Protein backbone atom coordinates (compact mmCIF):
# COMPACT_ATOMS: atom_id res chain seq x y z
CA MET A 1 -18.54 -1.21 -14.98
CA ASN A 2 -17.01 -0.72 -11.52
CA ASN A 3 -17.03 -3.49 -8.96
CA ARG A 4 -17.27 -1.78 -5.59
CA SER A 5 -18.33 -4.79 -3.56
CA ASP A 6 -15.09 -4.80 -1.57
CA LEU A 7 -14.39 -1.05 -1.61
CA ALA A 8 -15.54 -0.47 1.97
CA GLU A 9 -13.28 -3.24 3.25
CA ARG A 10 -10.31 -1.93 1.30
CA MET A 11 -10.90 1.61 2.58
CA GLU A 12 -11.10 0.30 6.14
CA LEU A 13 -7.81 -1.55 5.71
CA VAL A 14 -6.14 1.56 4.28
CA GLY A 15 -7.43 3.56 7.23
CA GLN A 16 -5.75 1.09 9.57
CA VAL A 17 -2.43 1.65 7.79
CA PHE A 18 -2.60 5.36 8.63
CA GLU A 19 -3.09 4.49 12.32
CA ILE A 20 0.25 2.69 12.64
CA ASP A 21 2.62 4.60 14.95
CA GLY A 22 5.01 6.63 12.84
CA MET A 23 3.11 6.16 9.57
CA GLN A 24 1.62 9.65 9.38
CA GLU A 25 5.02 11.25 9.86
CA LEU A 26 6.49 9.02 7.19
CA LEU A 27 3.68 9.76 4.74
CA THR A 28 4.30 13.51 5.06
CA LYS A 29 7.63 12.94 3.30
CA TYR A 30 5.69 12.64 0.03
CA GLU A 31 5.54 16.09 -1.48
CA LYS A 32 4.86 17.63 -4.85
CA GLY A 33 7.89 17.36 -7.10
CA ILE A 34 9.50 14.60 -5.04
CA SER A 35 12.27 12.79 -6.91
CA MET A 36 11.63 9.20 -7.93
CA VAL A 37 14.58 8.10 -5.79
CA LYS A 38 13.09 9.69 -2.68
CA PHE A 39 9.60 8.51 -3.66
CA ASN A 40 10.81 4.91 -3.91
CA ALA A 41 12.81 5.20 -0.67
CA VAL A 42 9.78 6.44 1.26
CA THR A 43 7.58 3.78 -0.33
CA ILE A 44 9.98 1.10 0.90
CA GLN A 45 9.95 2.67 4.37
CA VAL A 46 6.13 2.66 4.38
CA THR A 47 6.16 -1.01 3.35
CA ALA A 48 8.71 -1.90 6.03
CA LEU A 49 6.81 -0.05 8.76
CA LEU A 50 3.60 -1.82 7.81
CA LEU A 51 5.29 -5.23 7.86
CA LYS A 52 7.10 -4.51 11.12
CA HIS A 53 4.01 -3.36 13.00
CA ASN A 54 1.18 -5.34 11.42
CA LYS A 55 2.01 -8.17 9.01
CA ASP A 56 -1.56 -9.44 9.28
CA LEU A 57 -2.81 -6.09 7.96
CA ALA A 58 -0.27 -6.25 5.13
CA ASP A 59 -1.56 -9.71 4.20
CA ARG A 60 -5.19 -8.55 4.35
CA ILE A 61 -4.40 -5.56 2.12
CA MET A 62 -2.73 -7.87 -0.38
CA VAL A 63 -5.68 -10.26 -0.40
CA ALA A 64 -8.18 -7.42 -0.85
CA GLY A 65 -6.04 -5.54 -3.35
CA THR A 66 -5.02 -8.42 -5.58
CA GLY A 67 -7.84 -10.93 -5.40
CA ARG A 68 -5.36 -13.60 -4.27
CA THR A 69 -6.25 -15.95 -1.47
CA GLN A 70 -4.39 -15.88 1.83
CA GLU A 71 -2.85 -19.22 0.86
CA GLU A 72 -1.52 -17.72 -2.38
CA VAL A 73 -0.07 -14.78 -0.46
CA ASP A 74 1.56 -17.18 2.02
CA GLU A 75 3.22 -19.06 -0.85
CA LEU A 76 4.96 -15.98 -2.27
CA ASP A 77 8.71 -15.82 -1.76
CA ASP A 78 9.96 -12.71 0.05
CA GLY A 79 10.90 -10.85 -3.15
CA SER A 80 7.54 -11.45 -4.80
CA TYR A 81 5.69 -10.62 -1.59
CA ALA A 82 7.54 -7.31 -1.26
CA ALA A 83 6.94 -6.40 -4.92
CA VAL A 84 3.21 -7.16 -4.77
CA LEU A 85 2.80 -5.37 -1.44
CA LYS A 86 4.61 -2.31 -2.80
CA ASP A 87 2.26 -2.23 -5.80
CA VAL A 88 -0.80 -2.49 -3.56
CA ILE A 89 0.52 0.26 -1.28
CA LEU A 90 1.18 2.53 -4.26
CA ARG A 91 -2.31 2.01 -5.63
CA ASP A 92 -4.49 1.64 -2.55
CA VAL A 93 -2.71 3.53 0.24
CA LEU A 94 -0.90 6.35 -1.52
CA GLY A 95 -3.60 6.67 -4.14
CA PHE A 96 -6.04 7.78 -1.45
CA PHE A 97 -4.30 11.12 -1.10
CA GLY A 98 -2.88 11.57 -4.56
CA SER A 99 0.76 10.67 -3.94
CA SER A 100 0.95 7.78 -6.33
CA PRO A 101 3.14 8.30 -9.40
CA ARG A 102 -0.01 8.47 -11.52
CA SER A 103 -2.10 10.96 -9.60
CA ASP A 104 -2.74 12.97 -12.80
CA GLY A 105 -5.86 11.00 -13.72
CA GLN A 106 -4.10 8.76 -16.23
CA LYS A 107 -4.11 5.01 -16.00
C-alpha cells in the first residue's frame, strides 16, 4: 500500500530545488554512464548549492523525506545532516528524472 498523503508537498519542494540559480546547469552534469566518482561529486555540489541558497528548503525536504521533525533535523550534527540530506536528494530530487544510482526499477 502506498502512502501518497505528502506526495504533492514533496513534489512541490523538489520543484523549488530546480528553481535555485545554477541548479539546472549543475543537474545537466548527470549523464548516462557517468562514473560513480563524478556522480558523487555532482551530488555533493547539488547538496552544497541547495544549502548555500536555501537552507530552509533543505530542512523542509529532509522533514518531508524522512518523517523526522524539524527539531530532530536541527539536532543532527553536520556530518549526519549532510549524509541524510544527500540520501534525500538522491531519492527525491534526482529520482524525479532518473539519475539516481537505482533508476533501473530495482529497489
